[in-house]
Amino acid sequence: MAGIPTSEPTGSPEDAADAAHSRIDTTVAHSARIWDYWLGGKNHYGVDQAAGDHIRTIHPGITDYARADRAFLGRAVTHLTGEVGIRQFLDIGTGLPTTDNTHEVAQRIAPESRIVYTDNDPIVLAHARALLTSTPEGATDYLDADLHDPDTILREAARTLDLTRPTAVMLLGIVMFVHDDDRARAIVRQLMDAVPSGSYLVLSHTVTAPGMEHMDAAVEYWNSVGTPKLLQRTPGEIARFFDGLEVLEPGIVSCSRWRPEPTPTGEPPEEVALYCGVGRKP
């Protein structure tokens, strides 16, 4: 595929997809597949649809959260590529391929952009070839790796990215699966320590806050039936992931309210229980 760095073969893409499919448990709902269902994708099973539908009965607005997170990704990548000049993205917790993936947004603006996707979900690996497209000038790659192992992520990402140059580290809806606060912050800090001044952190996270009790109930149900279990954090706890970084305006806010398109009424969009931010490494 265009732009993919060469290496010693470890098996065909078909072999990797077959091996990944053999690891997929279709008896338990999974977050990536439910997200895919809410976004209108096709890479999910009946168990995921049932869980997703039940969560929507608890919290009817949950589908809007998935869409708001995806729209935030597009706006953040557009800003970093078009306004800041970032040309490298390390997207961890990729999720299932859908429309306007990171490389599509970035390479539409700057065809020379280079993107590394990382996930440890076998269904994402099975469909990773959909992410491994690139302009001739740029590159994309996919790593089957876990956020809990940042050493491996950084080592393997360096095959495609020059980590001495400014890089955007994308952590959308993934740090919530690291339940220990100290460990979660240490992972984010290690990733940002590995990239130079002028790099950016792009992060979104489920939130618990007054007035969002429906989300609390939805998460409680999810953790009783699905995998992996997720942890909500307060806006203040989410802000701590940006310690030492220069947080861009409008700060740590609902994903729907990070530099949104103007609404017909001029009113801000409805808040969603996913908060986000973009921070620059000084």
C-alpha atoms as a PDB file:
ATOM      1  CA  MET A   1       0.000   0.000   0.000  1.00  0.00           C
ATOM      2  CA  ALA A   2       1.227   3.460  -0.767  1.00  0.00           C
ATOM      3  CA  GLY A   3       3.445   4.932   1.869  1.00  0.00           C
ATOM      4  CA  ILE A   4       3.672   1.851   4.109  1.00  0.00           C
ATOM      5  CA  PRO A   5       7.235   1.324   5.345  1.00  0.00           C
ATOM      6  CA  THR A   6       8.746  -1.985   4.377  1.00  0.00           C
ATOM      7  CA  SER A   7       9.843  -4.574   6.937  1.00  0.00           C
ATOM      8  CA  GLU A   8      10.397  -8.295   7.195  1.00  0.00           C
ATOM      9  CA  PRO A   9       7.081 -10.037   6.462  1.00  0.00           C
ATOM     10  CA  THR A  10       5.314 -11.584   9.404  1.00  0.00           C
ATOM     11  CA  GLY A  11       2.482 -13.102   7.353  1.00  0.00           C
ATOM     12  CA  SER A  12      -0.031 -11.903   4.817  1.00  0.00           C
ATOM     13  CA  PRO A  13      -2.741  -9.362   5.651  1.00  0.00           C
ATOM     14  CA  GLU A  14      -5.224 -12.194   5.175  1.00  0.00           C
ATOM     15  CA  ASP A  15      -3.387 -14.291   7.785  1.00  0.00           C
ATOM     16  CA  ALA A  16      -3.446 -11.370  10.232  1.00  0.00           C
ATOM     17  CA  ALA A  17      -7.150 -10.837   9.616  1.00  0.00           C
ATOM     18  CA  ASP A  18      -7.899 -14.559  10.090  1.00  0.00           C
ATOM     19  CA  ALA A  19      -5.894 -14.642  13.328  1.00  0.00           C
ATOM     20  CA  ALA A  20      -7.673 -11.532  14.574  1.00  0.00           C
ATOM     21  CA  HIS A  21     -11.097 -12.978  13.775  1.00  0.00           C
ATOM     22  CA  SER A  22     -10.236 -16.073  15.816  1.00  0.00           C
ATOM     23  CA  ARG A  23      -9.721 -13.835  18.881  1.00  0.00           C
ATOM     24  CA  ILE A  24     -13.089 -12.069  18.604  1.00  0.00           C
ATOM     25  CA  ASP A  25     -15.600 -13.007  21.297  1.00  0.00           C
ATOM     26  CA  THR A  26     -19.054 -12.529  19.814  1.00  0.00           C
ATOM     27  CA  THR A  27     -20.821 -13.508  23.039  1.00  0.00           C
ATOM     28  CA  VAL A  28     -19.834 -10.362  24.962  1.00  0.00           C
ATOM     29  CA  ALA A  29     -20.556  -6.792  23.896  1.00  0.00           C
ATOM     30  CA  HIS A  30     -17.467  -4.747  23.100  1.00  0.00           C
ATOM     31  CA  SER A  31     -17.027  -0.975  23.221  1.00  0.00           C
ATOM     32  CA  ALA A  32     -15.522  -0.590  19.729  1.00  0.00           C
ATOM     33  CA  ARG A  33     -18.334  -2.567  18.152  1.00  0.00           C
ATOM     34  CA  ILE A  34     -21.071  -0.678  20.056  1.00  0.00           C
ATOM     35  CA  TRP A  35     -19.443   2.599  18.989  1.00  0.00           C
ATOM     36  CA  ASP A  36     -19.495   1.317  15.410  1.00  0.00           C
ATOM     37  CA  TYR A  37     -23.214   0.490  15.767  1.00  0.00           C
ATOM     38  CA  TRP A  38     -24.027   3.956  17.102  1.00  0.00           C
ATOM     39  CA  LEU A  39     -22.099   5.558  14.230  1.00  0.00           C
ATOM     40  CA  GLY A  40     -24.073   3.553  11.681  1.00  0.00           C
ATOM     41  CA  GLY A  41     -21.316   1.069  10.813  1.00  0.00           C
ATOM     42  CA  LYS A  42     -21.616  -2.616   9.991  1.00  0.00           C
ATOM     43  CA  ASN A  43     -18.795  -4.169  12.024  1.00  0.00           C
ATOM     44  CA  HIS A  44     -20.768  -5.337  15.042  1.00  0.00           C
ATOM     45  CA  TYR A  45     -22.792  -8.321  16.239  1.00  0.00           C
ATOM     46  CA  GLY A  46     -26.226  -8.878  17.729  1.00  0.00           C
ATOM     47  CA  VAL A  47     -24.849  -8.740  21.262  1.00  0.00           C
ATOM     48  CA  ASP A  48     -23.408  -5.281  20.576  1.00  0.00           C
ATOM     49  CA  GLN A  49     -26.630  -4.015  19.025  1.00  0.00           C
ATOM     50  CA  ALA A  50     -28.649  -5.302  21.979  1.00  0.00           C
ATOM     51  CA  ALA A  51     -26.337  -3.607  24.478  1.00  0.00           C
ATOM     52  CA  GLY A  52     -26.278  -0.411  22.445  1.00  0.00           C
ATOM     53  CA  ASP A  53     -30.070  -0.322  22.229  1.00  0.00           C
ATOM     54  CA  HIS A  54     -30.432  -0.904  25.962  1.00  0.00           C
ATOM     55  CA  ILE A  55     -27.969   1.872  26.748  1.00  0.00           C
ATOM     56  CA  ARG A  56     -30.031   4.169  24.524  1.00  0.00           C
ATOM     57  CA  THR A  57     -33.131   3.376  26.568  1.00  0.00           C
ATOM     58  CA  ILE A  58     -31.210   4.507  29.658  1.00  0.00           C
ATOM     59  CA  HIS A  59     -29.693   7.525  27.943  1.00  0.00           C
ATOM     60  CA  PRO A  60     -31.355   8.376  24.597  1.00  0.00           C
ATOM     61  CA  GLY A  61     -28.689  10.962  23.721  1.00  0.00           C
ATOM     62  CA  ILE A  62     -25.779   8.500  23.771  1.00  0.00           C
ATOM     63  CA  THR A  63     -25.606   8.254  19.969  1.00  0.00           C
ATOM     64  CA  ASP A  64     -24.997  11.996  19.852  1.00  0.00           C
ATOM     65  CA  TYR A  65     -21.962  11.453  22.088  1.00  0.00           C
ATOM     66  CA  ALA A  66     -20.379   9.072  19.591  1.00  0.00           C
ATOM     67  CA  ARG A  67     -20.991  11.536  16.782  1.00  0.00           C
ATOM     68  CA  ALA A  68     -19.686  14.472  18.823  1.00  0.00           C
ATOM     69  CA  ASP A  69     -16.459  12.633  19.597  1.00  0.00           C
ATOM     70  CA  ARG A  70     -15.967  11.827  15.922  1.00  0.00           C
ATOM     71  CA  ALA A  71     -16.678  15.403  14.897  1.00  0.00           C
ATOM     72  CA  PHE A  72     -14.167  16.643  17.495  1.00  0.00           C
ATOM     73  CA  LEU A  73     -11.521  14.405  15.912  1.00  0.00           C
ATOM     74  CA  GLY A  74     -12.187  15.993  12.535  1.00  0.00           C
ATOM     75  CA  ARG A  75     -12.046  19.547  13.847  1.00  0.00           C
ATOM     76  CA  ALA A  76      -8.900  18.943  15.896  1.00  0.00           C
ATOM     77  CA  VAL A  77      -7.021  17.233  13.059  1.00  0.00           C
ATOM     78  CA  THR A  78      -8.147  19.936  10.631  1.00  0.00           C
ATOM     79  CA  HIS A  79      -6.847  22.649  12.965  1.00  0.00           C
ATOM     80  CA  LEU A  80      -3.541  20.926  13.674  1.00  0.00           C
ATOM     81  CA  THR A  81      -2.876  20.131  10.029  1.00  0.00           C
ATOM     82  CA  GLY A  82      -4.209  23.280   8.412  1.00  0.00           C
ATOM     83  CA  GLU A  83      -3.444  25.964  10.990  1.00  0.00           C
ATOM     84  CA  VAL A  84      -0.518  24.609  13.004  1.00  0.00           C
ATOM     85  CA  GLY A  85       1.334  22.590  10.377  1.00  0.00           C
ATOM     86  CA  ILE A  86       1.444  19.223  12.151  1.00  0.00           C
ATOM     87  CA  ARG A  87       2.321  16.442   9.718  1.00  0.00           C
ATOM     88  CA  GLN A  88       2.548  13.425  12.062  1.00  0.00           C
ATOM     89  CA  PHE A  89      -0.208  11.758  14.084  1.00  0.00           C
ATOM     90  CA  LEU A  90       0.018   8.883  16.563  1.00  0.00           C
ATOM     91  CA  ASP A  91      -3.612   7.770  16.954  1.00  0.00           C
ATOM     92  CA  ILE A  92      -3.937   5.362  19.904  1.00  0.00           C
ATOM     93  CA  GLY A  93      -7.247   3.634  20.500  1.00  0.00           C
ATOM     94  CA  THR A  94      -8.141   3.904  16.847  1.00  0.00           C
ATOM     95  CA  GLY A  95     -11.434   2.063  16.911  1.00  0.00           C
ATOM     96  CA  LEU A  96     -13.106   0.611  13.849  1.00  0.00           C
ATOM     97  CA  PRO A  97     -12.560   2.356  10.512  1.00  0.00           C
ATOM     98  CA  THR A  98     -15.339   4.763   9.577  1.00  0.00           C
ATOM     99  CA  THR A  99     -15.607   7.932   7.524  1.00  0.00           C
ATOM    100  CA  ASP A 100     -13.064  10.730   7.944  1.00  0.00           C
ATOM    101  CA  ASN A 101     -10.437   8.745   9.794  1.00  0.00           C
ATOM    102  CA  THR A 102      -7.393  10.697  10.986  1.00  0.00           C
ATOM    103  CA  HIS A 103      -5.314  10.018   7.875  1.00  0.00           C
ATOM    104  CA  GLU A 104      -8.157  11.007   5.557  1.00  0.00           C
ATOM    105  CA  VAL A 105      -8.665  14.354   7.280  1.00  0.00           C
ATOM    106  CA  ALA A 106      -4.945  15.113   7.550  1.00  0.00           C
ATOM    107  CA  GLN A 107      -3.935  13.997   4.059  1.00  0.00           C
ATOM    108  CA  ARG A 108      -6.812  15.885   2.455  1.00  0.00           C
ATOM    109  CA  ILE A 109      -5.099  19.046   3.722  1.00  0.00           C
ATOM    110  CA  ALA A 110      -1.459  17.931   3.634  1.00  0.00           C
ATOM    111  CA  PRO A 111      -0.893  14.822   1.466  1.00  0.00           C
ATOM    112  CA  GLU A 112       2.557  14.289   2.994  1.00  0.00           C
ATOM    113  CA  SER A 113       1.109  13.617   6.461  1.00  0.00           C
ATOM    114  CA  ARG A 114       2.170  10.419   8.221  1.00  0.00           C
ATOM    115  CA  ILE A 115      -0.168   8.534  10.560  1.00  0.00           C
ATOM    116  CA  VAL A 116       0.292   5.542  12.852  1.00  0.00           C
ATOM    117  CA  TYR A 117      -2.844   3.893  14.237  1.00  0.00           C
ATOM    118  CA  THR A 118      -2.696   1.724  17.365  1.00  0.00           C
ATOM    119  CA  ASP A 119      -5.298  -0.556  18.903  1.00  0.00           C
ATOM    120  CA  ASN A 120      -5.388  -3.932  20.657  1.00  0.00           C
ATOM    121  CA  ASP A 121      -8.928  -4.957  19.735  1.00  0.00           C
ATOM    122  CA  PRO A 122      -8.935  -8.000  17.419  1.00  0.00           C
ATOM    123  CA  ILE A 123     -11.921  -6.735  15.434  1.00  0.00           C
ATOM    124  CA  VAL A 124     -10.055  -3.476  14.739  1.00  0.00           C
ATOM    125  CA  LEU A 125      -7.017  -5.487  13.623  1.00  0.00           C
ATOM    126  CA  ALA A 126      -9.257  -7.578  11.370  1.00  0.00           C
ATOM    127  CA  HIS A 127     -10.396  -4.418   9.593  1.00  0.00           C
ATOM    128  CA  ALA A 128      -7.106  -2.500   9.816  1.00  0.00           C
ATOM    129  CA  ARG A 129      -6.432  -2.764   6.099  1.00  0.00           C
ATOM    130  CA  ALA A 130      -9.156  -0.158   5.617  1.00  0.00           C
ATOM    131  CA  LEU A 131      -6.906   2.228   7.559  1.00  0.00           C
ATOM    132  CA  LEU A 132      -3.753   1.367   5.633  1.00  0.00           C
ATOM    133  CA  THR A 133      -4.405   3.631   2.686  1.00  0.00           C
ATOM    134  CA  SER A 134      -2.335   6.680   1.995  1.00  0.00           C
ATOM    135  CA  THR A 135      -1.456   9.316  -0.515  1.00  0.00           C
ATOM    136  CA  PRO A 136       1.785   8.539  -2.351  1.00  0.00           C
ATOM    137  CA  GLU A 137       3.447  11.436  -0.530  1.00  0.00           C
ATOM    138  CA  GLY A 138       2.430  10.311   2.965  1.00  0.00           C
ATOM    139  CA  ALA A 139       2.276   7.095   4.981  1.00  0.00           C
ATOM    140  CA  THR A 140      -0.003   5.141   7.275  1.00  0.00           C
ATOM    141  CA  ASP A 141       0.716   2.171   9.504  1.00  0.00           C
ATOM    142  CA  TYR A 142      -1.183   0.105  12.076  1.00  0.00           C
ATOM    143  CA  LEU A 143       0.163  -1.367  15.322  1.00  0.00           C
ATOM    144  CA  ASP A 144      -1.534  -4.131  17.290  1.00  0.00           C
ATOM    145  CA  ALA A 145      -0.499  -2.794  20.703  1.00  0.00           C
ATOM    146  CA  ASP A 146      -1.946  -1.849  24.096  1.00  0.00           C
ATOM    147  CA  LEU A 147      -1.998   1.616  25.660  1.00  0.00           C
ATOM    148  CA  HIS A 148      -0.691  -0.009  28.845  1.00  0.00           C
ATOM    149  CA  ASP A 149       2.562  -0.675  26.939  1.00  0.00           C
ATOM    150  CA  PRO A 150       3.712   2.756  25.722  1.00  0.00           C
ATOM    151  CA  ASP A 151       7.297   1.523  25.270  1.00  0.00           C
ATOM    152  CA  THR A 152       6.206  -0.827  22.482  1.00  0.00           C
ATOM    153  CA  ILE A 153       3.945   1.792  20.914  1.00  0.00           C
ATOM    154  CA  LEU A 154       6.722   4.378  20.769  1.00  0.00           C
ATOM    155  CA  ARG A 155       9.331   1.929  19.514  1.00  0.00           C
ATOM    156  CA  GLU A 156       7.143   0.586  16.711  1.00  0.00           C
ATOM    157  CA  ALA A 157       5.682   3.981  15.790  1.00  0.00           C
ATOM    158  CA  ALA A 158       9.220   5.249  15.174  1.00  0.00           C
ATOM    159  CA  ARG A 159       9.348   2.988  12.099  1.00  0.00           C
ATOM    160  CA  THR A 160       6.912   5.348  10.379  1.00  0.00           C
ATOM    161  CA  LEU A 161       7.103   8.606  12.352  1.00  0.00           C
ATOM    162  CA  ASP A 162      10.120  10.790  13.080  1.00  0.00           C
ATOM    163  CA  LEU A 163       9.540  11.389  16.775  1.00  0.00           C
ATOM    164  CA  THR A 164      12.129  14.167  16.807  1.00  0.00           C
ATOM    165  CA  ARG A 165       9.602  16.248  14.841  1.00  0.00           C
ATOM    166  CA  PRO A 166       6.340  17.683  16.216  1.00  0.00           C
ATOM    167  CA  THR A 167       3.686  14.983  16.482  1.00  0.00           C
ATOM    168  CA  ALA A 168       0.039  14.949  17.557  1.00  0.00           C
ATOM    169  CA  VAL A 169      -0.693  12.196  20.076  1.00  0.00           C
ATOM    170  CA  MET A 170      -4.365  11.275  19.719  1.00  0.00           C
ATOM    171  CA  LEU A 171      -6.055   9.614  22.717  1.00  0.00           C
ATOM    172  CA  LEU A 172      -9.761   9.745  21.956  1.00  0.00           C
ATOM    173  CA  GLY A 173     -11.952   7.682  24.253  1.00  0.00           C
ATOM    174  CA  ILE A 174      -9.108   5.393  25.334  1.00  0.00           C
ATOM    175  CA  VAL A 175      -7.588   6.630  28.610  1.00  0.00           C
ATOM    176  CA  MET A 176     -10.902   5.866  30.309  1.00  0.00           C
ATOM    177  CA  PHE A 177      -9.959   2.179  30.096  1.00  0.00           C
ATOM    178  CA  VAL A 178      -6.923   2.753  32.356  1.00  0.00           C
ATOM    179  CA  HIS A 179      -8.558   2.784  35.780  1.00  0.00           C
ATOM    180  CA  ASP A 180      -5.613   3.694  37.983  1.00  0.00           C
ATOM    181  CA  ASP A 181      -5.255   7.483  37.926  1.00  0.00           C
ATOM    182  CA  ASP A 182      -1.511   7.535  38.547  1.00  0.00           C
ATOM    183  CA  ARG A 183      -0.870   4.933  35.862  1.00  0.00           C
ATOM    184  CA  ALA A 184      -3.106   6.729  33.363  1.00  0.00           C
ATOM    185  CA  ARG A 185      -1.321  10.041  33.893  1.00  0.00           C
ATOM    186  CA  ALA A 186       2.080   8.336  33.738  1.00  0.00           C
ATOM    187  CA  ILE A 187       1.230   6.784  30.360  1.00  0.00           C
ATOM    188  CA  VAL A 188       0.117  10.114  28.912  1.00  0.00           C
ATOM    189  CA  ARG A 189       3.204  11.809  30.333  1.00  0.00           C
ATOM    190  CA  GLN A 190       5.517   9.146  28.840  1.00  0.00           C
ATOM    191  CA  LEU A 191       3.955   9.557  25.418  1.00  0.00           C
ATOM    192  CA  MET A 192       4.312  13.326  25.540  1.00  0.00           C
ATOM    193  CA  ASP A 193       7.856  13.119  26.915  1.00  0.00           C
ATOM    194  CA  ALA A 194       8.780  11.132  23.801  1.00  0.00           C
ATOM    195  CA  VAL A 195       7.815  13.924  21.379  1.00  0.00           C
ATOM    196  CA  PRO A 196       9.428  17.353  21.026  1.00  0.00           C
ATOM    197  CA  SER A 197       8.323  20.894  21.736  1.00  0.00           C
ATOM    198  CA  GLY A 198       5.553  21.916  19.380  1.00  0.00           C
ATOM    199  CA  SER A 199       3.806  18.541  19.661  1.00  0.00           C
ATOM    200  CA  TYR A 200       0.166  18.247  20.727  1.00  0.00           C
ATOM    201  CA  LEU A 201      -2.031  16.059  22.913  1.00  0.00           C
ATOM    202  CA  VAL A 202      -5.592  15.496  21.671  1.00  0.00           C
ATOM    203  CA  LEU A 203      -7.678  13.687  24.287  1.00  0.00           C
ATOM    204  CA  SER A 204     -11.323  12.910  24.962  1.00  0.00           C
ATOM    205  CA  HIS A 205     -12.781  11.097  27.961  1.00  0.00           C
ATOM    206  CA  THR A 206     -16.123  10.143  29.503  1.00  0.00           C
ATOM    207  CA  VAL A 207     -17.101  12.552  32.237  1.00  0.00           C
ATOM    208  CA  THR A 208     -19.155  12.423  35.391  1.00  0.00           C
ATOM    209  CA  ALA A 209     -20.609  15.762  36.399  1.00  0.00           C
ATOM    210  CA  PRO A 210     -23.752  17.264  37.941  1.00  0.00           C
ATOM    211  CA  GLY A 211     -26.671  17.088  35.535  1.00  0.00           C
ATOM    212  CA  MET A 212     -25.250  14.097  33.666  1.00  0.00           C
ATOM    213  CA  GLU A 213     -26.640  11.318  35.835  1.00  0.00           C
ATOM    214  CA  HIS A 214     -28.057   9.521  32.787  1.00  0.00           C
ATOM    215  CA  MET A 215     -24.481   8.913  31.663  1.00  0.00           C
ATOM    216  CA  ASP A 216     -23.605   7.500  35.067  1.00  0.00           C
ATOM    217  CA  ALA A 217     -26.457   4.994  34.729  1.00  0.00           C
ATOM    218  CA  ALA A 218     -25.435   4.085  31.174  1.00  0.00           C
ATOM    219  CA  VAL A 219     -21.834   3.464  32.239  1.00  0.00           C
ATOM    220  CA  GLU A 220     -22.981   1.360  35.188  1.00  0.00           C
ATOM    221  CA  TYR A 221     -25.017  -0.830  32.819  1.00  0.00           C
ATOM    222  CA  TRP A 222     -22.174  -1.020  30.301  1.00  0.00           C
ATOM    223  CA  ASN A 223     -19.701  -2.166  32.949  1.00  0.00           C
ATOM    224  CA  SER A 224     -22.118  -4.908  34.011  1.00  0.00           C
ATOM    225  CA  VAL A 225     -22.381  -6.483  30.538  1.00  0.00           C
ATOM    226  CA  GLY A 226     -19.581  -5.253  28.293  1.00  0.00           C
ATOM    227  CA  THR A 227     -15.835  -5.168  27.857  1.00  0.00           C
ATOM    228  CA  PRO A 228     -13.519  -3.472  28.500  1.00  0.00           C
ATOM    229  CA  LYS A 229     -14.804  -1.720  31.614  1.00  0.00           C
ATOM    230  CA  LEU A 230     -14.591   2.050  31.511  1.00  0.00           C
ATOM    231  CA  LEU A 231     -14.037   4.719  34.132  1.00  0.00           C
ATOM    232  CA  GLN A 232     -15.620   8.152  34.222  1.00  0.00           C
ATOM    233  CA  ARG A 233     -13.581  11.084  35.485  1.00  0.00           C
ATOM    234  CA  THR A 234     -14.541  14.604  36.495  1.00  0.00           C
ATOM    235  CA  PRO A 235     -13.627  17.565  34.282  1.00  0.00           C
ATOM    236  CA  GLY A 236     -10.910  18.466  36.784  1.00  0.00           C
ATOM    237  CA  GLU A 237      -9.425  14.982  36.636  1.00  0.00           C
ATOM    238  CA  ILE A 238      -9.455  15.073  32.843  1.00  0.00           C
ATOM    239  CA  ALA A 239      -7.689  18.451  32.906  1.00  0.00           C
ATOM    240  CA  ARG A 240      -4.790  16.873  34.827  1.00  0.00           C
ATOM    241  CA  PHE A 241      -3.805  14.902  31.727  1.00  0.00           C
ATOM    242  CA  PHE A 242      -2.803  18.262  30.270  1.00  0.00           C
ATOM    243  CA  ASP A 243      -0.464  19.229  33.139  1.00  0.00           C
ATOM    244  CA  GLY A 244       2.577  20.990  31.701  1.00  0.00           C
ATOM    245  CA  LEU A 245       0.895  21.657  28.347  1.00  0.00           C
ATOM    246  CA  GLU A 246      -0.556  24.860  26.923  1.00  0.00           C
ATOM    247  CA  VAL A 247      -4.251  24.099  26.550  1.00  0.00           C
ATOM    248  CA  LEU A 248      -5.810  25.632  23.457  1.00  0.00           C
ATOM    249  CA  GLU A 249      -9.031  27.623  23.682  1.00  0.00           C
ATOM    250  CA  PRO A 250     -11.775  26.907  24.621  1.00  0.00           C
ATOM    251  CA  GLY A 251     -10.095  24.670  27.215  1.00  0.00           C
ATOM    252  CA  ILE A 252     -11.373  21.359  28.581  1.00  0.00           C
ATOM    253  CA  VAL A 253     -14.962  21.262  27.353  1.00  0.00           C
ATOM    254  CA  SER A 254     -17.702  19.013  26.030  1.00  0.00           C
ATOM    255  CA  CYS A 255     -16.638  17.519  22.678  1.00  0.00           C
ATOM    256  CA  SER A 256     -19.634  19.173  21.068  1.00  0.00           C
ATOM    257  CA  ARG A 257     -18.342  22.587  22.186  1.00  0.00           C
ATOM    258  CA  TRP A 258     -14.712  22.400  21.046  1.00  0.00           C
ATOM    259  CA  ARG A 259     -14.651  25.000  18.250  1.00  0.00           C
ATOM    260  CA  PRO A 260     -17.993  23.867  16.801  1.00  0.00           C
ATOM    261  CA  GLU A 261     -19.575  24.997  13.585  1.00  0.00           C
ATOM    262  CA  PRO A 262     -22.069  27.827  14.225  1.00  0.00           C
ATOM    263  CA  THR A 263     -25.584  26.638  14.977  1.00  0.00           C
ATOM    264  CA  PRO A 264     -28.593  28.122  13.148  1.00  0.00           C
ATOM    265  CA  THR A 265     -29.789  29.748  16.379  1.00  0.00           C
ATOM    266  CA  GLY A 266     -26.384  30.975  17.452  1.00  0.00           C
ATOM    267  CA  GLU A 267     -26.704  28.999  20.673  1.00  0.00           C
ATOM    268  CA  PRO A 268     -23.894  26.619  21.723  1.00  0.00           C
ATOM    269  CA  PRO A 269     -24.505  22.938  20.916  1.00  0.00           C
ATOM    270  CA  GLU A 270     -25.933  20.648  23.588  1.00  0.00           C
ATOM    271  CA  GLU A 271     -23.309  19.360  25.979  1.00  0.00           C
ATOM    272  CA  VAL A 272     -22.347  15.686  25.809  1.00  0.00           C
ATOM    273  CA  ALA A 273     -20.770  13.647  28.604  1.00  0.00           C
ATOM    274  CA  LEU A 274     -17.514  13.345  26.707  1.00  0.00           C
ATOM    275  CA  TYR A 275     -15.025  16.070  27.497  1.00  0.00           C
ATOM    276  CA  CYS A 276     -11.971  16.896  25.445  1.00  0.00           C
ATOM    277  CA  GLY A 277      -9.043  19.195  24.999  1.00  0.00           C
ATOM    278  CA  VAL A 278      -6.038  19.943  22.831  1.00  0.00           C
ATOM    279  CA  GLY A 279      -2.746  20.887  24.463  1.00  0.00           C
ATOM    280  CA  ARG A 280       0.586  22.067  23.026  1.00  0.00           C
ATOM    281  CA  LYS A 281       3.898  20.929  24.468  1.00  0.00           C
ATOM    282  CA  PRO A 282       5.969  24.085  25.123  1.00  0.00           C
END
